[in-house]
């Protein structure tokens, strides 16, 4: 016995050889296990297969759950959006109805405000004369008849402030009509929004870059039209 004890390597070796190994060998013999690694490999395979089968069996339940919930969410959002559109449409209808009675009045007030801001008024009428002598004679006649001030310039002669007699034919077949405004630049923007086009080559600006005068491209009854700063 003592020799057996020493050969086994002490207490632990002795317990292993006399107690643990006989039990393990008996279990392996009972179960017919000759290679533990092979057996546990088979067990691992069974575990993986069982896990895959479990996931497969459960997957339809998971997808059905999310399909049902997403469908419910989509329907809820659709219903909510329809309600929002319906409510917004109803409220906009109420707003239009309440403003309808006042809309013409609001429009008229806005137009008056723009009219006051631009301050359009007749500046003068330019008459195309054949030459300087004709321009001088025309201006003097008007001044004599109506008591207007005679004022000669480089390219024209004014009879008062209303009539400009051109020393030679200028823009327009018959002459031009000058419309005075509080702001030429604002007038250009306002009329441009209505489709009016301007001759940019005729634009005259001051030292600060503000427009003092500009002609429209369109003529009316043989008269060119231009805006002038008051």
C-alpha atoms as a PDB file:
ATOM      1  CA  UNK A   1       0.000   0.000   0.000  1.00  0.00           C
ATOM      2  CA  UNK A   2       2.817   2.367   0.947  1.00  0.00           C
ATOM      3  CA  UNK A   3       4.541   1.671  -2.334  1.00  0.00           C
ATOM      4  CA  UNK A   4       1.277   2.341  -4.175  1.00  0.00           C
ATOM      5  CA  UNK A   5       0.959   5.628  -2.307  1.00  0.00           C
ATOM      6  CA  UNK A   6       4.475   6.764  -3.251  1.00  0.00           C
ATOM      7  CA  UNK A   7       4.105   5.748  -6.891  1.00  0.00           C
ATOM      8  CA  UNK A   8       0.860   7.682  -7.223  1.00  0.00           C
ATOM      9  CA  UNK A   9       2.541  10.991  -6.370  1.00  0.00           C
ATOM     10  CA  UNK A  10       1.177  11.771  -2.928  1.00  0.00           C
ATOM     11  CA  UNK A  11      -2.312  12.249  -1.513  1.00  0.00           C
ATOM     12  CA  UNK A  12      -3.883  13.787  -4.622  1.00  0.00           C
ATOM     13  CA  UNK A  13      -2.513  11.187  -6.952  1.00  0.00           C
ATOM     14  CA  UNK A  14      -3.538   8.477  -4.568  1.00  0.00           C
ATOM     15  CA  UNK A  15      -7.126   9.790  -4.375  1.00  0.00           C
ATOM     16  CA  UNK A  16      -7.295  10.107  -8.139  1.00  0.00           C
ATOM     17  CA  UNK A  17      -6.098   6.596  -8.825  1.00  0.00           C
ATOM     18  CA  UNK A  18      -8.149   4.900  -6.112  1.00  0.00           C
ATOM     19  CA  UNK A  19     -11.332   7.032  -6.144  1.00  0.00           C
ATOM     20  CA  UNK A  20     -11.838   9.312  -9.146  1.00  0.00           C
ATOM     21  CA  UNK A  21     -10.505   7.157 -11.986  1.00  0.00           C
ATOM     22  CA  UNK A  22     -12.533   4.057 -11.064  1.00  0.00           C
ATOM     23  CA  UNK A  23     -15.744   6.123 -10.987  1.00  0.00           C
ATOM     24  CA  UNK A  24     -15.061   7.822 -14.333  1.00  0.00           C
ATOM     25  CA  UNK A  25     -14.074   4.531 -15.948  1.00  0.00           C
ATOM     26  CA  UNK A  26     -17.244   2.908 -14.647  1.00  0.00           C
ATOM     27  CA  UNK A  27     -19.433   5.734 -16.059  1.00  0.00           C
ATOM     28  CA  UNK A  28     -17.690   5.613 -19.446  1.00  0.00           C
ATOM     29  CA  UNK A  29     -18.066   1.866 -19.535  1.00  0.00           C
ATOM     30  CA  UNK A  30     -21.724   2.095 -18.585  1.00  0.00           C
ATOM     31  CA  UNK A  31     -22.438   4.718 -21.288  1.00  0.00           C
ATOM     32  CA  UNK A  32     -20.098   3.198 -23.849  1.00  0.00           C
ATOM     33  CA  UNK A  33     -17.925   6.319 -24.056  1.00  0.00           C
ATOM     34  CA  UNK A  34     -14.517   5.577 -25.522  1.00  0.00           C
ATOM     35  CA  UNK A  35     -13.577   9.155 -26.645  1.00  0.00           C
ATOM     36  CA  UNK A  36     -14.864  12.013 -24.411  1.00  0.00           C
ATOM     37  CA  UNK A  37     -13.856  14.677 -26.962  1.00  0.00           C
ATOM     38  CA  UNK A  38     -15.941  12.979 -29.652  1.00  0.00           C
ATOM     39  CA  UNK A  39     -18.924  12.736 -27.355  1.00  0.00           C
ATOM     40  CA  UNK A  40     -18.787  16.393 -26.328  1.00  0.00           C
ATOM     41  CA  UNK A  41     -18.346  17.386 -29.970  1.00  0.00           C
ATOM     42  CA  UNK A  42     -21.577  15.540 -30.724  1.00  0.00           C
ATOM     43  CA  UNK A  43     -23.229  17.225 -27.760  1.00  0.00           C
ATOM     44  CA  UNK A  44     -22.055  20.624 -29.096  1.00  0.00           C
ATOM     45  CA  UNK A  45     -23.506  19.772 -32.492  1.00  0.00           C
ATOM     46  CA  UNK A  46     -26.803  18.868 -30.888  1.00  0.00           C
ATOM     47  CA  UNK A  47     -26.757  22.171 -28.971  1.00  0.00           C
ATOM     48  CA  UNK A  48     -26.184  24.239 -32.141  1.00  0.00           C
ATOM     49  CA  UNK A  49     -28.837  22.304 -34.049  1.00  0.00           C
ATOM     50  CA  UNK A  50     -31.269  22.724 -31.174  1.00  0.00           C
ATOM     51  CA  UNK A  51     -30.529  26.463 -30.976  1.00  0.00           C
ATOM     52  CA  UNK A  52     -31.060  26.875 -34.734  1.00  0.00           C
ATOM     53  CA  UNK A  53     -34.335  24.973 -34.551  1.00  0.00           C
ATOM     54  CA  UNK A  54     -35.465  27.110 -31.624  1.00  0.00           C
ATOM     55  CA  UNK A  55     -34.690  30.328 -33.505  1.00  0.00           C
ATOM     56  CA  UNK A  56     -36.436  28.999 -36.631  1.00  0.00           C
ATOM     57  CA  UNK A  57     -39.546  28.061 -34.650  1.00  0.00           C
ATOM     58  CA  UNK A  58     -39.609  31.479 -32.956  1.00  0.00           C
ATOM     59  CA  UNK A  59     -38.704  33.648 -35.988  1.00  0.00           C
ATOM     60  CA  UNK A  60     -42.207  33.652 -37.459  1.00  0.00           C
ATOM     61  CA  UNK A  61     -43.581  34.775 -34.116  1.00  0.00           C
ATOM     62  CA  UNK A  62     -41.098  37.683 -34.051  1.00  0.00           C
ATOM     63  CA  UNK A  63     -41.770  38.761 -37.638  1.00  0.00           C
ATOM     64  CA  UNK A  64     -45.536  38.469 -37.177  1.00  0.00           C
ATOM     65  CA  UNK A  65     -45.288  40.654 -34.075  1.00  0.00           C
ATOM     66  CA  UNK A  66     -43.353  43.455 -35.816  1.00  0.00           C
ATOM     67  CA  UNK A  67     -45.484  43.189 -38.947  1.00  0.00           C
ATOM     68  CA  UNK A  68     -48.618  43.656 -36.874  1.00  0.00           C
ATOM     69  CA  UNK A  69     -47.166  46.557 -34.870  1.00  0.00           C
ATOM     70  CA  UNK A  70     -45.762  48.337 -37.929  1.00  0.00           C
ATOM     71  CA  UNK A  71     -49.048  47.933 -39.744  1.00  0.00           C
ATOM     72  CA  UNK A  72     -50.854  49.403 -36.765  1.00  0.00           C
ATOM     73  CA  UNK A  73     -48.383  52.303 -36.564  1.00  0.00           C
ATOM     74  CA  UNK A  74     -48.733  53.016 -40.307  1.00  0.00           C
ATOM     75  CA  UNK A  75     -52.512  53.066 -40.046  1.00  0.00           C
ATOM     76  CA  UNK A  76     -52.352  55.351 -37.019  1.00  0.00           C
ATOM     77  CA  UNK A  77     -50.084  57.807 -38.850  1.00  0.00           C
ATOM     78  CA  UNK A  78     -52.301  57.712 -41.944  1.00  0.00           C
ATOM     79  CA  UNK A  79     -55.400  58.428 -39.886  1.00  0.00           C
ATOM     80  CA  UNK A  80     -53.621  61.240 -38.028  1.00  0.00           C
ATOM     81  CA  UNK A  81     -52.418  62.858 -41.279  1.00  0.00           C
ATOM     82  CA  UNK A  82     -55.904  62.693 -42.763  1.00  0.00           C
ATOM     83  CA  UNK A  83     -57.245  64.379 -39.630  1.00  0.00           C
ATOM     84  CA  UNK A  84     -54.577  67.094 -39.836  1.00  0.00           C
ATOM     85  CA  UNK A  85     -55.357  67.800 -43.505  1.00  0.00           C
ATOM     86  CA  UNK A  86     -59.056  67.844 -42.847  1.00  0.00           C
ATOM     87  CA  UNK A  87     -58.698  70.180 -39.872  1.00  0.00           C
ATOM     88  CA  UNK A  88     -56.278  72.505 -41.701  1.00  0.00           C
ATOM     89  CA  UNK A  89     -58.575  72.670 -44.722  1.00  0.00           C
ATOM     90  CA  UNK A  90     -61.556  73.498 -42.526  1.00  0.00           C
ATOM     91  CA  UNK A  91     -59.658  76.214 -40.650  1.00  0.00           C
ATOM     92  CA  UNK A  92     -58.322  77.754 -43.873  1.00  0.00           C
ATOM     93  CA  UNK A  93     -61.861  77.826 -45.192  1.00  0.00           C
ATOM     94  CA  UNK A  94     -62.946  79.700 -42.069  1.00  0.00           C
ATOM     95  CA  UNK A  95     -60.071  82.175 -42.464  1.00  0.00           C
ATOM     96  CA  UNK A  96     -60.925  82.834 -46.122  1.00  0.00           C
ATOM     97  CA  UNK A  97     -64.568  83.263 -45.245  1.00  0.00           C
ATOM     98  CA  UNK A  98     -63.767  85.742 -42.479  1.00  0.00           C
ATOM     99  CA  UNK A  99     -61.362  87.669 -44.707  1.00  0.00           C
ATOM    100  CA  UNK A 100     -63.556  87.510 -47.782  1.00  0.00           C
ATOM    101  CA  UNK A 101     -65.730  90.394 -46.676  1.00  0.00           C
ATOM    102  CA  UNK A 102     -62.671  92.517 -45.890  1.00  0.00           C
ATOM    103  CA  UNK A 103     -60.417  91.399 -48.742  1.00  0.00           C
ATOM    104  CA  UNK A 104     -61.473  94.121 -51.197  1.00  0.00           C
ATOM    105  CA  UNK A 105     -60.986  96.712 -48.492  1.00  0.00           C
ATOM    106  CA  UNK A 106     -57.527  95.337 -47.611  1.00  0.00           C
ATOM    107  CA  UNK A 107     -56.543  95.331 -51.293  1.00  0.00           C
ATOM    108  CA  UNK A 108     -57.678  98.911 -51.739  1.00  0.00           C
ATOM    109  CA  UNK A 109     -55.705 100.048 -48.680  1.00  0.00           C
ATOM    110  CA  UNK A 110     -52.564  98.323 -49.947  1.00  0.00           C
ATOM    111  CA  UNK A 111     -52.903  99.907 -53.366  1.00  0.00           C
ATOM    112  CA  UNK A 112     -53.316 103.352 -51.805  1.00  0.00           C
ATOM    113  CA  UNK A 113     -50.218 102.769 -49.676  1.00  0.00           C
ATOM    114  CA  UNK A 114     -48.138 101.839 -52.747  1.00  0.00           C
ATOM    115  CA  UNK A 115     -49.555 104.787 -54.667  1.00  0.00           C
ATOM    116  CA  UNK A 116     -48.616 107.179 -51.864  1.00  0.00           C
ATOM    117  CA  UNK A 117     -45.138 105.667 -51.583  1.00  0.00           C
ATOM    118  CA  UNK A 118     -44.380 106.013 -55.299  1.00  0.00           C
ATOM    119  CA  UNK A 119     -46.214 109.335 -55.763  1.00  0.00           C
ATOM    120  CA  UNK A 120     -46.586 109.098 -59.540  1.00  0.00           C
ATOM    121  CA  UNK A 121     -47.526 112.351 -61.279  1.00  0.00           C
ATOM    122  CA  UNK A 122     -46.999 113.959 -64.649  1.00  0.00           C
ATOM    123  CA  UNK A 123     -43.580 115.568 -64.761  1.00  0.00           C
ATOM    124  CA  UNK A 124     -43.604 117.141 -68.199  1.00  0.00           C
ATOM    125  CA  UNK A 125     -44.262 116.462 -71.871  1.00  0.00           C
ATOM    126  CA  UNK A 126     -41.400 116.578 -74.346  1.00  0.00           C
ATOM    127  CA  UNK A 127     -42.180 117.754 -77.874  1.00  0.00           C
ATOM    128  CA  UNK A 128     -39.857 116.750 -80.720  1.00  0.00           C
ATOM    129  CA  UNK A 129     -39.068 119.842 -82.786  1.00  0.00           C
ATOM    130  CA  UNK A 130     -37.284 119.715 -86.142  1.00  0.00           C
ATOM    131  CA  UNK A 131     -34.457 122.024 -85.040  1.00  0.00           C
ATOM    132  CA  UNK A 132     -33.394 124.553 -82.422  1.00  0.00           C
ATOM    133  CA  UNK A 133     -35.230 127.444 -84.112  1.00  0.00           C
ATOM    134  CA  UNK A 134     -38.506 125.530 -84.090  1.00  0.00           C
ATOM    135  CA  UNK A 135     -37.983 124.585 -80.464  1.00  0.00           C
ATOM    136  CA  UNK A 136     -37.318 128.220 -79.544  1.00  0.00           C
ATOM    137  CA  UNK A 137     -40.394 129.465 -81.426  1.00  0.00           C
ATOM    138  CA  UNK A 138     -42.641 126.816 -79.888  1.00  0.00           C
ATOM    139  CA  UNK A 139     -41.437 127.521 -76.343  1.00  0.00           C
ATOM    140  CA  UNK A 140     -41.769 131.310 -76.721  1.00  0.00           C
ATOM    141  CA  UNK A 141     -45.302 130.967 -78.085  1.00  0.00           C
ATOM    142  CA  UNK A 142     -46.407 128.797 -75.160  1.00  0.00           C
ATOM    143  CA  UNK A 143     -44.809 131.159 -72.661  1.00  0.00           C
ATOM    144  CA  UNK A 144     -46.495 134.177 -74.235  1.00  0.00           C
ATOM    145  CA  UNK A 145     -49.921 132.584 -74.357  1.00  0.00           C
ATOM    146  CA  UNK A 146     -49.989 131.137 -70.872  1.00  0.00           C
ATOM    147  CA  UNK A 147     -47.559 133.265 -68.948  1.00  0.00           C
ATOM    148  CA  UNK A 148     -45.028 130.475 -68.520  1.00  0.00           C
ATOM    149  CA  UNK A 149     -41.344 130.848 -67.677  1.00  0.00           C
ATOM    150  CA  UNK A 150     -38.942 130.494 -70.621  1.00  0.00           C
ATOM    151  CA  UNK A 151     -35.882 128.403 -69.726  1.00  0.00           C
ATOM    152  CA  UNK A 152     -33.294 127.395 -72.341  1.00  0.00           C
ATOM    153  CA  UNK A 153     -31.049 124.361 -71.883  1.00  0.00           C
ATOM    154  CA  UNK A 154     -28.379 122.523 -73.833  1.00  0.00           C
ATOM    155  CA  UNK A 155     -30.649 120.076 -75.665  1.00  0.00           C
ATOM    156  CA  UNK A 156     -34.091 121.591 -75.076  1.00  0.00           C
ATOM    157  CA  UNK A 157     -36.077 124.649 -74.046  1.00  0.00           C
ATOM    158  CA  UNK A 158     -38.703 124.514 -71.295  1.00  0.00           C
ATOM    159  CA  UNK A 159     -41.944 126.463 -71.382  1.00  0.00           C
ATOM    160  CA  UNK A 160     -42.641 126.534 -67.677  1.00  0.00           C
ATOM    161  CA  UNK A 161     -42.153 123.114 -66.094  1.00  0.00           C
ATOM    162  CA  UNK A 162     -44.778 121.280 -68.114  1.00  0.00           C
ATOM    163  CA  UNK A 163     -43.478 121.395 -71.710  1.00  0.00           C
ATOM    164  CA  UNK A 164     -40.000 120.580 -72.949  1.00  0.00           C
ATOM    165  CA  UNK A 165     -39.314 121.568 -76.552  1.00  0.00           C
ATOM    166  CA  UNK A 166     -36.507 119.401 -77.950  1.00  0.00           C
ATOM    167  CA  UNK A 167     -33.946 121.179 -80.192  1.00  0.00           C
ATOM    168  CA  UNK A 168     -33.775 118.040 -82.325  1.00  0.00           C
ATOM    169  CA  UNK A 169     -35.921 114.887 -82.471  1.00  0.00           C
ATOM    170  CA  UNK A 170     -35.301 112.712 -79.436  1.00  0.00           C
ATOM    171  CA  UNK A 171     -36.869 109.493 -78.148  1.00  0.00           C
ATOM    172  CA  UNK A 172     -40.348 108.698 -79.390  1.00  0.00           C
ATOM    173  CA  UNK A 173     -41.812 109.512 -82.770  1.00  0.00           C
ATOM    174  CA  UNK A 174     -43.639 112.530 -81.340  1.00  0.00           C
ATOM    175  CA  UNK A 175     -41.711 113.138 -78.142  1.00  0.00           C
ATOM    176  CA  UNK A 176     -41.740 111.818 -74.615  1.00  0.00           C
ATOM    177  CA  UNK A 177     -43.805 111.854 -71.445  1.00  0.00           C
ATOM    178  CA  UNK A 178     -41.966 112.172 -68.130  1.00  0.00           C
ATOM    179  CA  UNK A 179     -43.581 110.645 -65.049  1.00  0.00           C
ATOM    180  CA  UNK A 180     -42.155 111.962 -61.782  1.00  0.00           C
ATOM    181  CA  UNK A 181     -41.913 109.660 -58.748  1.00  0.00           C
ATOM    182  CA  UNK A 182     -40.685 109.721 -55.152  1.00  0.00           C
ATOM    183  CA  UNK A 183     -38.265 106.885 -55.923  1.00  0.00           C
ATOM    184  CA  UNK A 184     -37.281 105.840 -59.421  1.00  0.00           C
ATOM    185  CA  UNK A 185     -35.656 102.646 -58.156  1.00  0.00           C
ATOM    186  CA  UNK A 186     -38.788 101.583 -56.256  1.00  0.00           C
ATOM    187  CA  UNK A 187     -40.933 102.497 -59.264  1.00  0.00           C
ATOM    188  CA  UNK A 188     -38.743 100.351 -61.525  1.00  0.00           C
ATOM    189  CA  UNK A 189     -39.144  97.413 -59.135  1.00  0.00           C
ATOM    190  CA  UNK A 190     -42.917  97.931 -58.825  1.00  0.00           C
ATOM    191  CA  UNK A 191     -43.502  98.218 -62.563  1.00  0.00           C
ATOM    192  CA  UNK A 192     -41.071  95.408 -63.294  1.00  0.00           C
ATOM    193  CA  UNK A 193     -43.245  93.105 -61.191  1.00  0.00           C
ATOM    194  CA  UNK A 194     -46.046  93.922 -63.642  1.00  0.00           C
ATOM    195  CA  UNK A 195     -43.940  92.948 -66.636  1.00  0.00           C
ATOM    196  CA  UNK A 196     -42.762  96.424 -67.653  1.00  0.00           C
ATOM    197  CA  UNK A 197     -39.307  96.434 -69.277  1.00  0.00           C
ATOM    198  CA  UNK A 198     -36.793  99.283 -69.111  1.00  0.00           C
ATOM    199  CA  UNK A 199     -34.044 100.491 -71.417  1.00  0.00           C
ATOM    200  CA  UNK A 200     -30.970 100.140 -69.198  1.00  0.00           C
ATOM    201  CA  UNK A 201     -28.885 102.232 -71.606  1.00  0.00           C
ATOM    202  CA  UNK A 202     -31.035 105.230 -70.656  1.00  0.00           C
ATOM    203  CA  UNK A 203     -30.532 104.898 -66.883  1.00  0.00           C
ATOM    204  CA  UNK A 204     -29.095 108.024 -65.241  1.00  0.00           C
ATOM    205  CA  UNK A 205     -27.781 107.794 -61.666  1.00  0.00           C
ATOM    206  CA  UNK A 206     -26.506 110.258 -59.066  1.00  0.00           C
ATOM    207  CA  UNK A 207     -23.228 110.126 -57.150  1.00  0.00           C
ATOM    208  CA  UNK A 208     -24.704 107.623 -54.679  1.00  0.00           C
ATOM    209  CA  UNK A 209     -25.861 105.264 -57.417  1.00  0.00           C
ATOM    210  CA  UNK A 210     -29.568 106.074 -57.083  1.00  0.00           C
ATOM    211  CA  UNK A 211     -31.489 106.233 -60.349  1.00  0.00           C
ATOM    212  CA  UNK A 212     -32.532 109.732 -61.413  1.00  0.00           C
ATOM    213  CA  UNK A 213     -34.176 108.838 -64.735  1.00  0.00           C
ATOM    214  CA  UNK A 214     -34.824 105.857 -67.000  1.00  0.00           C
ATOM    215  CA  UNK A 215     -36.919 105.151 -70.114  1.00  0.00           C
ATOM    216  CA  UNK A 216     -39.389 102.318 -70.596  1.00  0.00           C
ATOM    217  CA  UNK A 217     -38.837 100.171 -73.670  1.00  0.00           C
ATOM    218  CA  UNK A 218     -42.478 100.566 -74.663  1.00  0.00           C
ATOM    219  CA  UNK A 219     -43.845 103.676 -76.411  1.00  0.00           C
ATOM    220  CA  UNK A 220     -47.428 104.920 -76.201  1.00  0.00           C
ATOM    221  CA  UNK A 221     -49.018 106.627 -79.218  1.00  0.00           C
ATOM    222  CA  UNK A 222     -45.634 107.679 -80.503  1.00  0.00           C
ATOM    223  CA  UNK A 223     -44.439 108.981 -77.128  1.00  0.00           C
ATOM    224  CA  UNK A 224     -41.554 107.470 -75.200  1.00  0.00           C
ATOM    225  CA  UNK A 225     -42.154 107.159 -71.458  1.00  0.00           C
ATOM    226  CA  UNK A 226     -39.545 107.794 -68.834  1.00  0.00           C
ATOM    227  CA  UNK A 227     -39.441 108.011 -65.047  1.00  0.00           C
ATOM    228  CA  UNK A 228     -37.764 110.950 -63.363  1.00  0.00           C
ATOM    229  CA  UNK A 229     -36.884 111.566 -59.732  1.00  0.00           C
ATOM    230  CA  UNK A 230     -38.908 114.303 -58.019  1.00  0.00           C
END
